[in-house]
Amino acid sequence: MSRSLALLVSQEETACKNATGNEILPTTAKRVPQSSVGTENSTAELASSYTTAQALAEFEAWSRSYDRSFLQYLLFEPTHRLLLTQLSPADQRILDIGCGTGKFLAEVAERFPHAEIVGLDLCPGMLQRAEPRCYRYGKRVRLIQGDSAHLPFADNLFDVVTCSHSFHHYPDQQRVVCEMYRVLRPNGRLLIVDGDRDGWWGWLIYDVCVTWLEGGVHHCSARRFQRLCQAAGFQQLQQIRRGRLAPFLVTMATAVKPAASEPVPARLAA
């Protein structure tokens, strides 16, 4: 192992308050202004309508039955197989955001025995269920409770950041993408899989049905996600659509942090 994953958490643990005076962030975190992206709801509007506390409460309740959900077989497992096709032995450090009960972490550990893998989730209940599944891999797989908008890692650390079927739950999606950019090394890759809400069928499933069932979620259109990534500094954006029927009507967005990476822009794209 090249370097212990114990060093993955940023050593700059001294926290500081941001300009509002009431939010504690790691000193390595980029402070991202909230701004409208495209013609859809702004980041600020999404954050005000669906809070991190709401998301935590929902997933804490769901953690008890998560592994027994029919979505495991119809949606999550096919998604894991799709993500695995995008990984390679050259990916030595992998961060999975919204790791849930750790099924994907275990699959990556089996497929790539030399990779160091970190799973991050906001929900303690999910991580408690992931621990027995990941224990056999020792220090090669680490579980960390944390917020996707305030990643507790140093800059330029991971080869790949993955995120599957949790992005629509994040209130401040622009900040999350900027944090993903920050922790990726130059030439590092971002892989996000979520519901494909483009077209009338995707709109009906995700903007109408899923929003009615779950409340406060926001599935990005391809155009919005492109703008989120470009505002953070990503390049080489691609959208790969999979499936024609619910629930496996998804899109995988891929993006690359440029080799000569620049700081997160001071202002987001209009």
Protein backbone atom coordinates (compact mmCIF):
# COMPACT_ATOMS: atom_id res chain seq x y z
CA MET A 1 0.00 0.00 0.00
CA SER A 2 1.54 3.25 -1.15
CA ARG A 3 0.27 5.37 1.71
CA SER A 4 -2.12 4.56 4.51
CA LEU A 5 -5.67 5.60 3.96
CA ALA A 6 -5.50 6.98 7.45
CA LEU A 7 -3.80 9.95 5.79
CA LEU A 8 -6.69 10.47 3.41
CA VAL A 9 -8.61 12.63 5.82
CA SER A 10 -7.11 16.07 5.56
CA GLN A 11 -4.62 16.78 8.31
CA GLU A 12 -5.76 20.38 8.32
CA GLU A 13 -8.56 19.64 10.75
CA THR A 14 -8.65 23.18 12.14
CA ALA A 15 -12.06 24.47 11.15
CA CYS A 16 -13.00 27.99 10.21
CA LYS A 17 -16.26 29.83 9.82
CA ASN A 18 -17.33 31.01 6.42
CA ALA A 19 -18.61 34.45 5.57
CA THR A 20 -22.03 33.76 7.09
CA GLY A 21 -20.41 33.13 10.46
CA ASN A 22 -22.40 30.01 11.25
CA GLU A 23 -21.08 27.22 9.06
CA ILE A 24 -18.03 25.16 10.00
CA LEU A 25 -15.91 23.91 7.09
CA PRO A 26 -12.53 22.17 6.79
CA THR A 27 -9.80 24.63 5.94
CA THR A 28 -9.20 22.80 2.65
CA ALA A 29 -12.77 23.29 1.44
CA LYS A 30 -13.50 25.62 -1.43
CA ARG A 31 -16.21 28.13 -0.65
CA VAL A 32 -18.62 28.06 -3.55
CA PRO A 33 -21.09 30.91 -4.03
CA GLN A 34 -24.67 29.90 -4.63
CA SER A 35 -25.92 30.94 -8.04
CA SER A 36 -28.51 29.99 -10.62
CA VAL A 37 -27.39 27.41 -13.17
CA GLY A 38 -29.29 27.32 -16.43
CA THR A 39 -33.03 27.78 -16.43
CA GLU A 40 -33.82 25.29 -13.67
CA ASN A 41 -34.06 25.85 -9.92
CA SER A 42 -31.00 27.55 -8.47
CA THR A 43 -28.73 25.84 -5.98
CA ALA A 44 -29.94 28.19 -3.26
CA GLU A 45 -33.58 27.36 -3.97
CA LEU A 46 -32.88 23.63 -3.85
CA ALA A 47 -30.95 23.95 -0.60
CA SER A 48 -33.75 25.90 1.05
CA SER A 49 -36.45 23.43 0.01
CA TYR A 50 -34.65 20.21 0.93
CA THR A 51 -32.17 20.23 3.79
CA THR A 52 -29.33 17.91 4.70
CA ALA A 53 -31.21 17.03 7.88
CA GLN A 54 -34.19 15.86 5.84
CA ALA A 55 -31.99 13.68 3.66
CA LEU A 56 -30.27 12.19 6.70
CA ALA A 57 -33.58 11.34 8.37
CA GLU A 58 -34.92 9.66 5.23
CA PHE A 59 -31.84 7.52 4.66
CA GLU A 60 -31.53 6.60 8.33
CA ALA A 61 -35.05 5.17 8.15
CA TRP A 62 -34.36 3.46 4.82
CA SER A 63 -31.09 1.89 6.00
CA ARG A 64 -33.01 -0.83 7.87
CA SER A 65 -34.51 -2.26 4.68
CA TYR A 66 -32.08 -0.91 2.08
CA ASP A 67 -30.44 -4.23 1.24
CA ARG A 68 -33.84 -5.92 0.84
CA SER A 69 -35.23 -3.30 -1.53
CA PHE A 70 -36.31 -4.48 -4.98
CA LEU A 71 -34.25 -1.56 -6.30
CA GLN A 72 -31.10 -3.51 -5.42
CA TYR A 73 -31.81 -5.94 -8.26
CA LEU A 74 -33.60 -3.66 -10.70
CA LEU A 75 -31.43 -0.57 -10.38
CA PHE A 76 -28.45 -0.57 -8.03
CA GLU A 77 -26.73 -3.80 -9.11
CA PRO A 78 -26.97 -2.98 -12.85
CA THR A 79 -25.58 0.45 -12.04
CA HIS A 80 -22.66 -1.09 -10.18
CA ARG A 81 -21.85 -3.25 -13.20
CA LEU A 82 -21.96 -0.17 -15.41
CA LEU A 83 -19.58 1.74 -13.14
CA LEU A 84 -17.17 -1.18 -12.93
CA THR A 85 -16.72 -1.08 -16.71
CA GLN A 86 -15.32 2.44 -16.31
CA LEU A 87 -12.67 1.53 -13.73
CA SER A 88 -9.20 0.13 -14.38
CA PRO A 89 -6.23 -1.21 -12.39
CA ALA A 90 -4.59 2.19 -12.86
CA ASP A 91 -7.22 3.68 -10.54
CA GLN A 92 -5.39 3.29 -7.25
CA ARG A 93 -7.50 5.56 -5.07
CA ILE A 94 -11.25 5.56 -5.43
CA LEU A 95 -13.84 7.57 -3.51
CA ASP A 96 -17.49 6.49 -3.59
CA ILE A 97 -19.81 9.25 -2.37
CA GLY A 98 -23.13 8.09 -0.97
CA CYS A 99 -21.77 4.56 -0.53
CA GLY A 100 -24.82 3.25 1.32
CA THR A 101 -24.36 -0.24 2.72
CA GLY A 102 -21.09 -0.79 0.86
CA LYS A 103 -22.05 -3.25 -1.86
CA PHE A 104 -20.24 -1.32 -4.57
CA LEU A 105 -17.19 -0.86 -2.34
CA ALA A 106 -16.94 -4.63 -1.92
CA GLU A 107 -17.31 -5.21 -5.66
CA VAL A 108 -14.52 -2.74 -6.41
CA ALA A 109 -12.29 -4.31 -3.76
CA GLU A 110 -12.80 -7.76 -5.28
CA ARG A 111 -12.19 -6.59 -8.84
CA PHE A 112 -9.18 -4.39 -8.06
CA PRO A 113 -7.20 -5.94 -5.18
CA HIS A 114 -4.54 -3.21 -5.16
CA ALA A 115 -6.89 -0.25 -5.02
CA GLU A 116 -7.44 1.84 -1.91
CA ILE A 117 -11.13 2.62 -1.57
CA VAL A 118 -13.03 5.09 0.56
CA GLY A 119 -16.78 5.05 1.06
CA LEU A 120 -18.43 8.21 2.34
CA ASP A 121 -22.02 8.48 3.51
CA LEU A 122 -23.94 10.92 5.65
CA CYS A 123 -26.05 8.22 7.27
CA PRO A 124 -24.63 6.29 10.27
CA GLY A 125 -27.18 3.51 9.75
CA MET A 126 -25.93 2.86 6.23
CA LEU A 127 -22.31 2.76 7.37
CA GLN A 128 -23.11 0.38 10.23
CA ARG A 129 -24.47 -2.07 7.67
CA ALA A 130 -21.52 -1.51 5.36
CA GLU A 131 -18.94 -2.31 8.03
CA PRO A 132 -19.41 -6.12 8.15
CA ARG A 133 -19.39 -6.25 4.36
CA CYS A 134 -16.12 -4.32 4.08
CA TYR A 135 -14.32 -5.65 7.18
CA ARG A 136 -12.64 -8.50 5.29
CA TYR A 137 -10.69 -6.03 3.13
CA GLY A 138 -8.94 -4.46 6.09
CA LYS A 139 -7.48 -0.99 5.74
CA ARG A 140 -7.85 -1.15 1.96
CA VAL A 141 -11.49 -0.10 2.35
CA ARG A 142 -12.35 2.74 4.71
CA LEU A 143 -15.77 4.01 5.71
CA ILE A 144 -16.22 7.65 6.64
CA GLN A 145 -19.30 9.51 7.76
CA GLY A 146 -19.39 12.88 6.06
CA ASP A 147 -21.26 15.43 4.00
CA SER A 148 -20.77 15.41 0.23
CA ALA A 149 -20.80 19.22 0.24
CA HIS A 150 -17.95 19.39 2.79
CA LEU A 151 -15.65 16.51 1.85
CA PRO A 152 -13.13 15.85 4.68
CA PHE A 153 -10.22 15.11 2.35
CA ALA A 154 -7.14 16.93 1.13
CA ASP A 155 -6.95 18.37 -2.38
CA ASN A 156 -5.82 16.31 -5.39
CA LEU A 157 -6.10 12.94 -3.67
CA PHE A 158 -8.26 10.49 -5.65
CA ASP A 159 -7.95 8.96 -9.12
CA VAL A 160 -11.71 8.44 -9.43
CA VAL A 161 -14.78 9.77 -7.64
CA THR A 162 -18.00 7.81 -8.12
CA CYS A 163 -21.54 8.64 -7.06
CA SER A 164 -24.57 6.50 -7.89
CA HIS A 165 -28.23 7.32 -7.30
CA SER A 166 -27.64 9.83 -4.53
CA PHE A 167 -26.84 13.03 -6.41
CA HIS A 168 -30.51 14.01 -6.68
CA HIS A 169 -30.71 14.10 -2.87
CA TYR A 170 -28.02 16.76 -2.47
CA PRO A 171 -29.47 20.20 -1.70
CA ASP A 172 -26.42 22.14 -2.94
CA GLN A 173 -25.47 20.26 -6.09
CA GLN A 174 -23.05 22.88 -7.37
CA ARG A 175 -21.03 22.78 -4.19
CA VAL A 176 -20.92 18.98 -4.27
CA VAL A 177 -19.52 18.98 -7.81
CA CYS A 178 -16.91 21.58 -6.83
CA GLU A 179 -15.87 19.43 -3.87
CA MET A 180 -15.56 16.41 -6.16
CA TYR A 181 -13.31 18.48 -8.41
CA ARG A 182 -11.19 19.60 -5.46
CA VAL A 183 -10.38 16.12 -4.16
CA LEU A 184 -9.63 14.62 -7.58
CA ARG A 185 -6.04 14.66 -8.74
CA PRO A 186 -5.22 16.24 -12.12
CA ASN A 187 -6.51 13.90 -14.86
CA GLY A 188 -8.78 12.30 -12.26
CA ARG A 189 -12.23 11.18 -13.40
CA LEU A 190 -15.72 11.80 -12.10
CA LEU A 191 -18.44 9.16 -12.65
CA ILE A 192 -22.00 9.99 -11.63
CA VAL A 193 -25.02 7.78 -12.32
CA ASP A 194 -28.52 9.05 -11.65
CA GLY A 195 -32.01 9.03 -13.09
CA ASP A 196 -32.28 10.23 -16.68
CA ARG A 197 -34.89 12.98 -16.52
CA ASP A 198 -34.48 14.16 -20.13
CA GLY A 199 -37.41 13.59 -22.47
CA TRP A 200 -41.07 13.33 -21.55
CA TRP A 201 -40.72 9.79 -20.09
CA GLY A 202 -37.83 10.78 -17.84
CA TRP A 203 -39.69 13.92 -16.80
CA LEU A 204 -42.76 11.87 -15.87
CA ILE A 205 -40.77 9.30 -13.89
CA TYR A 206 -38.34 11.54 -12.04
CA ASP A 207 -39.76 15.05 -11.96
CA VAL A 208 -43.31 13.90 -11.27
CA CYS A 209 -43.46 10.39 -9.77
CA VAL A 210 -40.17 10.22 -7.84
CA THR A 211 -40.50 13.78 -6.59
CA TRP A 212 -44.03 13.01 -5.40
CA LEU A 213 -42.85 9.84 -3.62
CA GLU A 214 -39.65 11.20 -2.08
CA GLY A 215 -40.16 14.96 -2.03
CA GLY A 216 -37.46 17.60 -2.22
CA VAL A 217 -35.23 15.80 -4.73
CA HIS A 218 -33.89 17.16 -8.00
CA HIS A 219 -32.73 15.03 -10.93
CA CYS A 220 -30.52 17.02 -13.26
CA SER A 221 -31.09 17.31 -16.96
CA ALA A 222 -28.04 16.65 -19.13
CA ARG A 223 -27.79 20.37 -19.83
CA ARG A 224 -27.86 21.32 -16.16
CA PHE A 225 -25.28 18.72 -15.21
CA GLN A 226 -23.00 19.92 -17.98
CA ARG A 227 -23.20 23.45 -16.61
CA LEU A 228 -22.53 22.26 -13.05
CA CYS A 229 -19.38 20.45 -14.19
CA GLN A 230 -18.13 23.26 -16.38
CA ALA A 231 -18.62 25.77 -13.57
CA ALA A 232 -16.47 23.57 -11.31
CA GLY A 233 -13.69 23.33 -13.91
CA PHE A 234 -14.26 19.85 -15.37
CA GLN A 235 -13.56 19.03 -19.01
CA GLN A 236 -14.28 16.14 -21.42
CA LEU A 237 -17.89 15.81 -20.31
CA GLN A 238 -19.89 12.87 -21.64
CA GLN A 239 -23.40 11.54 -21.01
CA ILE A 240 -24.08 7.82 -21.45
CA ARG A 241 -27.76 6.86 -21.35
CA ARG A 242 -28.85 3.38 -20.30
CA GLY A 243 -32.25 1.72 -20.28
CA ARG A 244 -35.57 2.73 -21.77
CA LEU A 245 -37.97 1.85 -18.98
CA ALA A 246 -38.21 2.62 -15.28
CA PRO A 247 -36.51 2.08 -13.01
CA PHE A 248 -33.38 1.47 -15.10
CA LEU A 249 -33.72 4.68 -17.06
CA VAL A 250 -30.44 6.27 -16.05
CA THR A 251 -27.64 8.40 -17.35
CA MET A 252 -23.96 8.15 -16.48
CA ALA A 253 -22.11 11.44 -16.61
CA THR A 254 -18.33 11.34 -16.89
CA ALA A 255 -15.92 14.25 -16.61
CA VAL A 256 -12.17 14.78 -16.23
CA LYS A 257 -10.23 17.22 -14.09
CA PRO A 258 -7.70 18.81 -16.45
CA ALA A 259 -4.00 18.11 -16.00
CA ALA A 260 -3.20 21.77 -15.43
CA SER A 261 -6.13 22.16 -13.08
CA GLU A 262 -7.30 25.62 -12.17
CA PRO A 263 -8.97 26.75 -8.93
CA VAL A 264 -12.73 26.54 -8.66
CA PRO A 265 -14.09 29.65 -10.43
CA ALA A 266 -14.97 32.58 -8.19
CA ARG A 267 -18.32 32.88 -9.93
CA LEU A 268 -20.48 30.20 -11.47
CA ALA A 269 -21.62 30.16 -15.05
CA ALA A 270 -24.80 32.08 -15.73
